[in-house]
C-alpha atoms as a PDB file:
ATOM      1  CA  UNK A   1     122.365 120.503 101.954  1.00  0.00           C
ATOM      2  CA  UNK A   2     118.739 121.072 102.973  1.00  0.00           C
ATOM      3  CA  UNK A   3     116.236 118.254 102.648  1.00  0.00           C
ATOM      4  CA  UNK A   4     113.765 118.511  99.805  1.00  0.00           C
ATOM      5  CA  UNK A   5     110.326 118.309 101.427  1.00  0.00           C
ATOM      6  CA  UNK A   6     108.729 118.177  97.990  1.00  0.00           C
ATOM      7  CA  UNK A   7     105.461 119.599  96.813  1.00  0.00           C
ATOM      8  CA  UNK A   8     101.924 118.520  97.499  1.00  0.00           C
ATOM      9  CA  UNK A   9     100.439 116.331  94.766  1.00  0.00           C
ATOM     10  CA  UNK A  10      96.940 117.272  93.654  1.00  0.00           C
ATOM     11  CA  UNK A  11      94.115 114.723  93.867  1.00  0.00           C
ATOM     12  CA  UNK A  12      94.650 113.520  90.272  1.00  0.00           C
ATOM     13  CA  UNK A  13      98.395 113.059  90.740  1.00  0.00           C
ATOM     14  CA  UNK A  14      97.816 111.247  94.030  1.00  0.00           C
ATOM     15  CA  UNK A  15      95.193 108.950  92.466  1.00  0.00           C
ATOM     16  CA  UNK A  16      97.535 108.191  89.544  1.00  0.00           C
ATOM     17  CA  UNK A  17     100.344 107.372  91.954  1.00  0.00           C
ATOM     18  CA  UNK A  18      98.131 104.999  93.964  1.00  0.00           C
ATOM     19  CA  UNK A  19      97.036 103.308  90.712  1.00  0.00           C
ATOM     20  CA  UNK A  20     100.670 102.797  89.633  1.00  0.00           C
ATOM     21  CA  UNK A  21     101.857 101.339  92.926  1.00  0.00           C
ATOM     22  CA  UNK A  22     101.118  97.920  94.270  1.00  0.00           C
ATOM     23  CA  UNK A  23     103.228  97.741  97.403  1.00  0.00           C
ATOM     24  CA  UNK A  24     102.997  99.704 100.587  1.00  0.00           C
ATOM     25  CA  UNK A  25     102.955  99.431 104.347  1.00  0.00           C
ATOM     26  CA  UNK A  26      99.629  99.082 106.132  1.00  0.00           C
ATOM     27  CA  UNK A  27      99.561 100.330 109.697  1.00  0.00           C
ATOM     28  CA  UNK A  28      96.956  99.012 112.099  1.00  0.00           C
ATOM     29  CA  UNK A  29      96.510  99.655 115.811  1.00  0.00           C
ATOM     30  CA  UNK A  30      94.553  98.100 118.617  1.00  0.00           C
ATOM     31  CA  UNK A  31      94.665  98.550 122.384  1.00  0.00           C
ATOM     32  CA  UNK A  32      97.374 101.184 122.050  1.00  0.00           C
ATOM     33  CA  UNK A  33      99.701  98.866 120.151  1.00  0.00           C
ATOM     34  CA  UNK A  34     100.772  99.675 116.586  1.00  0.00           C
ATOM     35  CA  UNK A  35     101.281  96.954 113.999  1.00  0.00           C
ATOM     36  CA  UNK A  36     102.603  97.593 110.478  1.00  0.00           C
ATOM     37  CA  UNK A  37     103.056  95.108 107.672  1.00  0.00           C
ATOM     38  CA  UNK A  38     104.333  95.387 104.092  1.00  0.00           C
ATOM     39  CA  UNK A  39     101.486  94.530 101.774  1.00  0.00           C
ATOM     40  CA  UNK A  40     100.451  94.371  98.148  1.00  0.00           C
ATOM     41  CA  UNK A  41      97.356  96.414  97.346  1.00  0.00           C
ATOM     42  CA  UNK A  42      95.200  97.560  94.470  1.00  0.00           C
ATOM     43  CA  UNK A  43      93.623 101.006  94.294  1.00  0.00           C
ATOM     44  CA  UNK A  44      89.944 100.903  93.349  1.00  0.00           C
ATOM     45  CA  UNK A  45      89.571 104.397  91.973  1.00  0.00           C
ATOM     46  CA  UNK A  46      85.854 104.025  91.207  1.00  0.00           C
ATOM     47  CA  UNK A  47      85.087 103.393  94.881  1.00  0.00           C
ATOM     48  CA  UNK A  48      88.015 105.368  96.373  1.00  0.00           C
ATOM     49  CA  UNK A  49      89.420 102.483  98.364  1.00  0.00           C
ATOM     50  CA  UNK A  50      92.477 100.280  98.557  1.00  0.00           C
ATOM     51  CA  UNK A  51      91.951  96.532  98.342  1.00  0.00           C
ATOM     52  CA  UNK A  52      94.197  94.386 100.499  1.00  0.00           C
ATOM     53  CA  UNK A  53      94.598  90.632 100.620  1.00  0.00           C
ATOM     54  CA  UNK A  54      95.803  89.556 104.032  1.00  0.00           C
ATOM     55  CA  UNK A  55      97.411  86.124 104.172  1.00  0.00           C
ATOM     56  CA  UNK A  56      97.431  84.738 107.693  1.00  0.00           C
ATOM     57  CA  UNK A  57      98.908  81.672 109.308  1.00  0.00           C
ATOM     58  CA  UNK A  58      97.453  79.972 112.362  1.00  0.00           C
ATOM     59  CA  UNK A  59      99.367  82.182 114.805  1.00  0.00           C
ATOM     60  CA  UNK A  60      99.120  85.437 112.840  1.00  0.00           C
ATOM     61  CA  UNK A  61      98.649  88.639 114.869  1.00  0.00           C
ATOM     62  CA  UNK A  62      96.971  90.246 111.865  1.00  0.00           C
ATOM     63  CA  UNK A  63      93.567  88.743 112.605  1.00  0.00           C
ATOM     64  CA  UNK A  64      93.264  90.164 116.122  1.00  0.00           C
ATOM     65  CA  UNK A  65      94.807  93.504 115.231  1.00  0.00           C
ATOM     66  CA  UNK A  66      92.516  93.878 112.203  1.00  0.00           C
ATOM     67  CA  UNK A  67      89.468  93.213 114.386  1.00  0.00           C
ATOM     68  CA  UNK A  68      90.450  96.013 116.773  1.00  0.00           C
ATOM     69  CA  UNK A  69      91.530  98.632 114.228  1.00  0.00           C
ATOM     70  CA  UNK A  70      89.150 101.508 113.615  1.00  0.00           C
ATOM     71  CA  UNK A  71      91.298 103.560 111.255  1.00  0.00           C
ATOM     72  CA  UNK A  72      94.156 102.139 109.183  1.00  0.00           C
ATOM     73  CA  UNK A  73      96.888 103.929 107.269  1.00  0.00           C
ATOM     74  CA  UNK A  74      98.480 102.824 104.003  1.00  0.00           C
ATOM     75  CA  UNK A  75     101.808 104.375 102.986  1.00  0.00           C
ATOM     76  CA  UNK A  76     103.345 103.852  99.567  1.00  0.00           C
ATOM     77  CA  UNK A  77     106.383 105.551  98.094  1.00  0.00           C
ATOM     78  CA  UNK A  78     109.085 105.457  95.483  1.00  0.00           C
ATOM     79  CA  UNK A  79     112.568 106.903  95.925  1.00  0.00           C
ATOM     80  CA  UNK A  80     115.046 107.615  93.160  1.00  0.00           C
ATOM     81  CA  UNK A  81     117.010 110.304  95.002  1.00  0.00           C
ATOM     82  CA  UNK A  82     116.626 113.428  97.128  1.00  0.00           C
ATOM     83  CA  UNK A  83     115.151 115.339  94.187  1.00  0.00           C
ATOM     84  CA  UNK A  84     113.136 112.514  92.633  1.00  0.00           C
ATOM     85  CA  UNK A  85     110.589 110.801  94.876  1.00  0.00           C
ATOM     86  CA  UNK A  86     106.856 110.474  95.501  1.00  0.00           C
ATOM     87  CA  UNK A  87     104.717 109.224  98.358  1.00  0.00           C
ATOM     88  CA  UNK A  88     101.067 108.865  99.300  1.00  0.00           C
ATOM     89  CA  UNK A  89      99.380 108.307 102.642  1.00  0.00           C
ATOM     90  CA  UNK A  90      95.769 107.066 102.714  1.00  0.00           C
ATOM     91  CA  UNK A  91      93.738 106.786 105.920  1.00  0.00           C
ATOM     92  CA  UNK A  92      90.326 105.430 106.703  1.00  0.00           C
ATOM     93  CA  UNK A  93      88.338 102.589 108.162  1.00  0.00           C
ATOM     94  CA  UNK A  94      89.349  99.073 107.193  1.00  0.00           C
ATOM     95  CA  UNK A  95      86.722  96.374 106.911  1.00  0.00           C
ATOM     96  CA  UNK A  96      86.493  92.848 105.633  1.00  0.00           C
ATOM     97  CA  UNK A  97      84.891  92.694 102.211  1.00  0.00           C
ATOM     98  CA  UNK A  98      81.477  91.048 101.962  1.00  0.00           C
ATOM     99  CA  UNK A  99      81.293  87.876  99.863  1.00  0.00           C
ATOM    100  CA  UNK A 100      79.495  89.664  97.021  1.00  0.00           C
ATOM    101  CA  UNK A 101      82.525  91.962  96.510  1.00  0.00           C
ATOM    102  CA  UNK A 102      85.189  89.222  96.470  1.00  0.00           C
ATOM    103  CA  UNK A 103      85.148  88.411  92.737  1.00  0.00           C
ATOM    104  CA  UNK A 104      85.441  92.073  91.757  1.00  0.00           C
ATOM    105  CA  UNK A 105      88.207  92.636  94.325  1.00  0.00           C
ATOM    106  CA  UNK A 106      90.169  89.578  93.196  1.00  0.00           C
ATOM    107  CA  UNK A 107      89.932  90.663  89.550  1.00  0.00           C
ATOM    108  CA  UNK A 108      91.153  94.199  90.284  1.00  0.00           C
ATOM    109  CA  UNK A 109      93.879  92.890  92.567  1.00  0.00           C
ATOM    110  CA  UNK A 110      95.087  90.432  89.939  1.00  0.00           C
ATOM    111  CA  UNK A 111      95.406  93.308  87.457  1.00  0.00           C
ATOM    112  CA  UNK A 112      97.036  95.807  89.783  1.00  0.00           C
ATOM    113  CA  UNK A 113      98.284  94.259  93.008  1.00  0.00           C
ATOM    114  CA  UNK A 114      99.314  90.699  92.292  1.00  0.00           C
ATOM    115  CA  UNK A 115     102.313  91.677  90.186  1.00  0.00           C
ATOM    116  CA  UNK A 116     103.757  93.494  93.169  1.00  0.00           C
ATOM    117  CA  UNK A 117     102.923  90.800  95.745  1.00  0.00           C
ATOM    118  CA  UNK A 118     105.845  89.391  97.637  1.00  0.00           C
ATOM    119  CA  UNK A 119     106.423  85.647  97.762  1.00  0.00           C
ATOM    120  CA  UNK A 120     107.440  85.473 101.408  1.00  0.00           C
ATOM    121  CA  UNK A 121     105.569  82.473 102.723  1.00  0.00           C
ATOM    122  CA  UNK A 122     107.199  79.216 103.744  1.00  0.00           C
ATOM    123  CA  UNK A 123     104.726  77.026 101.903  1.00  0.00           C
ATOM    124  CA  UNK A 124     102.033  77.107  99.270  1.00  0.00           C
ATOM    125  CA  UNK A 125      99.596  80.011  99.626  1.00  0.00           C
ATOM    126  CA  UNK A 126      96.805  77.433  99.955  1.00  0.00           C
ATOM    127  CA  UNK A 127      98.229  76.543 103.394  1.00  0.00           C
ATOM    128  CA  UNK A 128      97.205  79.968 104.704  1.00  0.00           C
ATOM    129  CA  UNK A 129      93.931  81.751 105.364  1.00  0.00           C
ATOM    130  CA  UNK A 130      93.208  84.657 103.045  1.00  0.00           C
ATOM    131  CA  UNK A 131      91.077  87.613 104.058  1.00  0.00           C
ATOM    132  CA  UNK A 132      90.070  90.412 101.702  1.00  0.00           C
ATOM    133  CA  UNK A 133      89.776  93.882 103.183  1.00  0.00           C
ATOM    134  CA  UNK A 134      89.054  97.372 101.917  1.00  0.00           C
ATOM    135  CA  UNK A 135      90.584 100.517 103.325  1.00  0.00           C
ATOM    136  CA  UNK A 136      87.881 103.101 102.600  1.00  0.00           C
ATOM    137  CA  UNK A 137      89.835 106.285 101.955  1.00  0.00           C
ATOM    138  CA  UNK A 138      88.570 109.212 104.001  1.00  0.00           C
ATOM    139  CA  UNK A 139      91.793 111.193 103.812  1.00  0.00           C
ATOM    140  CA  UNK A 140      94.675 110.985 101.338  1.00  0.00           C
ATOM    141  CA  UNK A 141      97.762 113.104 100.814  1.00  0.00           C
ATOM    142  CA  UNK A 142     100.556 112.913  98.301  1.00  0.00           C
ATOM    143  CA  UNK A 143     103.930 114.630  98.049  1.00  0.00           C
ATOM    144  CA  UNK A 144     106.757 114.483  95.612  1.00  0.00           C
ATOM    145  CA  UNK A 145     109.929 116.053  94.332  1.00  0.00           C
ATOM    146  CA  UNK A 146     110.744 115.910  90.652  1.00  0.00           C
ATOM    147  CA  UNK A 147     114.018 116.558  88.869  1.00  0.00           C
END
């Protein structure tokens, strides 16, 4: 049986898919070393960006890798079977949000991303440093197969 490579989603379908999701994998790279981490996100359609809340412990690699990453990639997908799946890949620069954007980001994230956030930390979230970042989408693609 041949693999179903799906069909390209148009920009509206891709935007809708990003809005509906809330979990993905963010890939960063610095000094020739790749680093990927599962992450909750919220898609800010008005500003064509994905908002990410990084939670970092004292010895987290995220901080140094974030500082050295020029272009990040966010991948999100859903899989129900070989003939029923969708995915989106968004690429662009990732930057820490300025203080004046934090309230808006937190509100959007609480509506769209917090529900999907994973509770994977060994203590209260207040024990960790939180950094808000935006992946400014310069390039996005979507694909899917539908029964």
